Amino acid sequence: MPTTMQTTDTTSDARNVSKVKVLLTPSQHEFIDFVLFSGVRELSNSLKMIHDLALYHSDIPVNDAEKGALYNLKLLWEGFERIGEEM
C-alpha cells in the first residue's frame, strides 16, 4: 500500500507547489528509508567520488553512453545534497 509524503509549505513563492502529496510504493519508501539511514551526505560524497574517479582519474576514453551515466551520477548526488540541506 502506498504511503504519502509532504513537501514544505511555500506560500509566497508561486513557482513552488504547497503541500504536494506524493504516493510512494513500498519499494520507494524502503529506498528512501535506506538513504536516510545510510546518510544522504555520505551517499552524495560516494557518488561524487565515483564520478570524479571515472572522469578525471582514468585514462580510459569516455563515450556518449558513459557520459550519460556520469551525468546521472551527478543528478543523484545533487539530489542527495538537496535532501541533506532540508534535514
N, C-alpha and C. Protein backbone atom coordinates (compact mmCIF):
# COMPACT_ATOMS: atom_id res chain seq x y z
N MET A 1 0.85 -1.18 0.00
CA MET A 1 0.00 0.00 0.00
C MET A 1 0.89 1.24 0.00
N PRO A 2 0.67 2.18 -0.91
CA PRO A 2 1.49 3.39 -0.96
C PRO A 2 1.32 4.24 0.30
N THR A 3 2.39 4.93 0.63
CA THR A 3 2.37 5.88 1.73
C THR A 3 2.42 7.28 1.16
N THR A 4 2.18 8.31 1.98
CA THR A 4 2.21 9.67 1.47
C THR A 4 3.34 10.44 2.12
N MET A 5 3.84 11.42 1.38
CA MET A 5 4.89 12.31 1.84
C MET A 5 4.45 13.72 1.52
N GLN A 6 4.84 14.70 2.34
CA GLN A 6 4.51 16.08 2.04
C GLN A 6 5.78 16.88 1.89
N THR A 7 5.74 17.87 0.97
CA THR A 7 6.86 18.78 0.81
C THR A 7 6.63 19.98 1.72
N THR A 8 7.58 20.90 1.71
CA THR A 8 7.45 22.08 2.54
C THR A 8 6.34 22.98 2.02
N ASP A 9 5.76 23.76 2.90
CA ASP A 9 4.69 24.70 2.54
C ASP A 9 5.33 26.01 2.11
N THR A 10 5.09 26.41 0.87
CA THR A 10 5.62 27.67 0.37
C THR A 10 4.45 28.54 -0.03
N THR A 11 4.20 29.57 0.74
CA THR A 11 3.05 30.41 0.47
C THR A 11 3.38 31.65 -0.35
N SER A 12 4.64 32.13 -0.31
CA SER A 12 4.95 33.36 -1.00
C SER A 12 5.57 33.15 -2.37
N ASP A 13 5.95 31.94 -2.72
CA ASP A 13 6.60 31.70 -3.99
C ASP A 13 5.67 30.89 -4.89
N ALA A 14 5.17 31.51 -5.94
CA ALA A 14 4.21 30.85 -6.83
C ALA A 14 4.85 29.77 -7.68
N ARG A 15 6.19 29.75 -7.77
CA ARG A 15 6.85 28.72 -8.58
C ARG A 15 6.79 27.36 -7.91
N ASN A 16 6.63 27.32 -6.61
CA ASN A 16 6.57 26.06 -5.88
C ASN A 16 5.13 25.67 -5.58
N VAL A 17 4.90 24.41 -5.43
CA VAL A 17 3.59 23.90 -5.09
C VAL A 17 3.57 23.67 -3.59
N SER A 18 2.52 24.11 -2.92
CA SER A 18 2.46 23.90 -1.48
C SER A 18 1.70 22.62 -1.16
N LYS A 19 2.21 21.90 -0.18
CA LYS A 19 1.56 20.69 0.33
C LYS A 19 1.23 19.68 -0.76
N VAL A 20 2.22 19.27 -1.50
CA VAL A 20 2.02 18.25 -2.53
C VAL A 20 2.11 16.89 -1.87
N LYS A 21 1.13 16.05 -2.12
CA LYS A 21 1.15 14.69 -1.61
C LYS A 21 1.61 13.76 -2.72
N VAL A 22 2.59 12.94 -2.41
CA VAL A 22 3.14 12.01 -3.38
C VAL A 22 2.95 10.61 -2.83
N LEU A 23 2.34 9.75 -3.62
CA LEU A 23 2.17 8.37 -3.22
C LEU A 23 3.45 7.60 -3.53
N LEU A 24 3.92 6.84 -2.56
CA LEU A 24 5.12 6.03 -2.73
C LEU A 24 4.75 4.56 -2.68
N THR A 25 5.40 3.79 -3.52
CA THR A 25 5.24 2.35 -3.44
C THR A 25 6.06 1.85 -2.26
N PRO A 26 5.81 0.63 -1.80
CA PRO A 26 6.61 0.11 -0.69
C PRO A 26 8.11 0.09 -1.00
N SER A 27 8.50 -0.24 -2.22
CA SER A 27 9.93 -0.27 -2.54
C SER A 27 10.53 1.13 -2.57
N GLN A 28 9.76 2.13 -3.01
CA GLN A 28 10.24 3.51 -2.98
C GLN A 28 10.41 3.98 -1.54
N HIS A 29 9.46 3.65 -0.70
CA HIS A 29 9.53 4.01 0.71
C HIS A 29 10.75 3.35 1.36
N GLU A 30 10.96 2.08 1.05
CA GLU A 30 12.11 1.34 1.59
C GLU A 30 13.42 1.97 1.13
N PHE A 31 13.48 2.37 -0.14
CA PHE A 31 14.69 3.00 -0.66
C PHE A 31 14.98 4.32 0.06
N ILE A 32 13.96 5.14 0.24
CA ILE A 32 14.14 6.43 0.93
C ILE A 32 14.57 6.19 2.38
N ASP A 33 13.97 5.22 3.03
CA ASP A 33 14.39 4.88 4.40
C ASP A 33 15.86 4.47 4.43
N PHE A 34 16.29 3.66 3.45
CA PHE A 34 17.68 3.23 3.36
C PHE A 34 18.60 4.43 3.17
N VAL A 35 18.23 5.33 2.27
CA VAL A 35 19.05 6.51 2.00
C VAL A 35 19.18 7.35 3.27
N LEU A 36 18.09 7.58 3.96
CA LEU A 36 18.12 8.39 5.17
C LEU A 36 18.92 7.70 6.27
N PHE A 37 18.78 6.37 6.39
CA PHE A 37 19.51 5.61 7.40
C PHE A 37 21.01 5.62 7.10
N SER A 38 21.36 5.46 5.83
CA SER A 38 22.77 5.40 5.44
C SER A 38 23.45 6.75 5.52
N GLY A 39 22.68 7.79 5.37
CA GLY A 39 23.23 9.15 5.42
C GLY A 39 23.31 9.74 4.03
N VAL A 40 22.53 10.75 3.77
CA VAL A 40 22.48 11.34 2.44
C VAL A 40 23.80 12.01 2.08
N ARG A 41 24.47 12.61 3.04
CA ARG A 41 25.75 13.26 2.74
C ARG A 41 26.81 12.23 2.37
N GLU A 42 26.82 11.10 3.08
CA GLU A 42 27.79 10.04 2.78
C GLU A 42 27.53 9.45 1.40
N LEU A 43 26.27 9.21 1.07
CA LEU A 43 25.94 8.68 -0.25
C LEU A 43 26.29 9.69 -1.34
N SER A 44 26.01 10.96 -1.09
CA SER A 44 26.34 12.00 -2.05
C SER A 44 27.84 12.05 -2.29
N ASN A 45 28.63 12.02 -1.23
CA ASN A 45 30.09 12.05 -1.36
C ASN A 45 30.61 10.82 -2.10
N SER A 46 30.02 9.66 -1.85
CA SER A 46 30.43 8.43 -2.54
C SER A 46 30.17 8.52 -4.03
N LEU A 47 28.99 8.99 -4.41
CA LEU A 47 28.66 9.13 -5.82
C LEU A 47 29.57 10.14 -6.51
N LYS A 48 29.85 11.24 -5.82
CA LYS A 48 30.73 12.26 -6.37
C LYS A 48 32.14 11.69 -6.57
N MET A 49 32.60 10.89 -5.62
CA MET A 49 33.93 10.30 -5.71
C MET A 49 34.02 9.34 -6.90
N ILE A 50 33.00 8.50 -7.06
CA ILE A 50 32.98 7.57 -8.19
C ILE A 50 32.98 8.33 -9.52
N HIS A 51 32.16 9.37 -9.59
CA HIS A 51 32.10 10.22 -10.78
C HIS A 51 33.47 10.81 -11.10
N ASP A 52 34.10 11.41 -10.09
CA ASP A 52 35.38 12.07 -10.31
C ASP A 52 36.49 11.08 -10.66
N LEU A 53 36.48 9.92 -10.01
CA LEU A 53 37.46 8.89 -10.34
C LEU A 53 37.33 8.45 -11.80
N ALA A 54 36.12 8.21 -12.22
CA ALA A 54 35.89 7.75 -13.59
C ALA A 54 36.23 8.83 -14.62
N LEU A 55 35.91 10.06 -14.30
CA LEU A 55 36.06 11.14 -15.28
C LEU A 55 37.46 11.75 -15.28
N TYR A 56 38.02 11.99 -14.11
CA TYR A 56 39.26 12.75 -14.02
C TYR A 56 40.50 11.92 -13.72
N HIS A 57 40.34 10.72 -13.21
CA HIS A 57 41.50 9.92 -12.81
C HIS A 57 41.58 8.61 -13.57
N SER A 58 41.10 8.58 -14.77
CA SER A 58 41.12 7.38 -15.59
C SER A 58 41.64 7.73 -16.97
N ASP A 59 42.43 6.83 -17.52
CA ASP A 59 42.96 7.05 -18.87
C ASP A 59 42.05 6.44 -19.94
N ILE A 60 40.94 5.87 -19.52
CA ILE A 60 40.02 5.23 -20.45
C ILE A 60 39.14 6.30 -21.09
N PRO A 61 39.03 6.32 -22.42
CA PRO A 61 38.15 7.30 -23.07
C PRO A 61 36.68 7.08 -22.68
N VAL A 62 35.97 8.17 -22.58
CA VAL A 62 34.56 8.13 -22.17
C VAL A 62 33.69 8.39 -23.39
N ASN A 63 32.80 7.43 -23.71
CA ASN A 63 31.91 7.60 -24.86
C ASN A 63 30.61 8.27 -24.41
N ASP A 64 29.68 8.47 -25.33
CA ASP A 64 28.43 9.17 -25.02
C ASP A 64 27.60 8.45 -23.97
N ALA A 65 27.51 7.13 -24.04
CA ALA A 65 26.72 6.38 -23.05
C ALA A 65 27.32 6.53 -21.66
N GLU A 66 28.65 6.50 -21.58
CA GLU A 66 29.31 6.65 -20.29
C GLU A 66 29.18 8.08 -19.77
N LYS A 67 29.21 9.06 -20.66
CA LYS A 67 28.98 10.45 -20.25
C LYS A 67 27.58 10.60 -19.66
N GLY A 68 26.62 9.94 -20.28
CA GLY A 68 25.25 9.97 -19.76
C GLY A 68 25.17 9.34 -18.38
N ALA A 69 25.86 8.22 -18.18
CA ALA A 69 25.86 7.56 -16.88
C ALA A 69 26.52 8.43 -15.82
N LEU A 70 27.60 9.11 -16.19
CA LEU A 70 28.27 10.01 -15.23
C LEU A 70 27.37 11.20 -14.89
N TYR A 71 26.64 11.69 -15.88
CA TYR A 71 25.70 12.78 -15.62
C TYR A 71 24.59 12.31 -14.67
N ASN A 72 24.12 11.07 -14.85
CA ASN A 72 23.11 10.52 -13.93
C ASN A 72 23.64 10.45 -12.51
N LEU A 73 24.91 10.07 -12.34
CA LEU A 73 25.51 10.08 -11.01
C LEU A 73 25.49 11.48 -10.42
N LYS A 74 25.81 12.47 -11.26
CA LYS A 74 25.79 13.87 -10.80
C LYS A 74 24.39 14.28 -10.34
N LEU A 75 23.38 13.89 -11.11
CA LEU A 75 22.00 14.20 -10.71
C LEU A 75 21.66 13.57 -9.37
N LEU A 76 22.08 12.33 -9.16
CA LEU A 76 21.81 11.66 -7.89
C LEU A 76 22.51 12.35 -6.73
N TRP A 77 23.81 12.65 -6.88
CA TRP A 77 24.50 13.26 -5.74
C TRP A 77 23.96 14.65 -5.44
N GLU A 78 23.58 15.39 -6.47
CA GLU A 78 22.99 16.71 -6.21
C GLU A 78 21.62 16.58 -5.54
N GLY A 79 20.85 15.57 -5.92
CA GLY A 79 19.57 15.32 -5.25
C GLY A 79 19.77 14.96 -3.80
N PHE A 80 20.75 14.11 -3.51
CA PHE A 80 21.05 13.75 -2.12
C PHE A 80 21.52 14.98 -1.33
N GLU A 81 22.31 15.85 -1.98
CA GLU A 81 22.76 17.08 -1.30
C GLU A 81 21.57 17.96 -0.92
N ARG A 82 20.60 18.08 -1.84
CA ARG A 82 19.41 18.91 -1.54
C ARG A 82 18.60 18.30 -0.39
N ILE A 83 18.47 16.97 -0.39
CA ILE A 83 17.77 16.31 0.72
C ILE A 83 18.50 16.58 2.02
N GLY A 84 19.82 16.48 2.00
CA GLY A 84 20.62 16.73 3.20
C GLY A 84 20.48 18.16 3.71
N GLU A 85 20.36 19.12 2.81
CA GLU A 85 20.18 20.52 3.22
C GLU A 85 18.84 20.75 3.87
N GLU A 86 17.83 19.96 3.50
CA GLU A 86 16.49 20.13 4.04
C GLU A 86 16.33 19.48 5.41
N MET A 87 17.27 18.66 5.78
CA MET A 87 17.15 17.94 7.05
C MET A 87 17.64 18.77 8.21
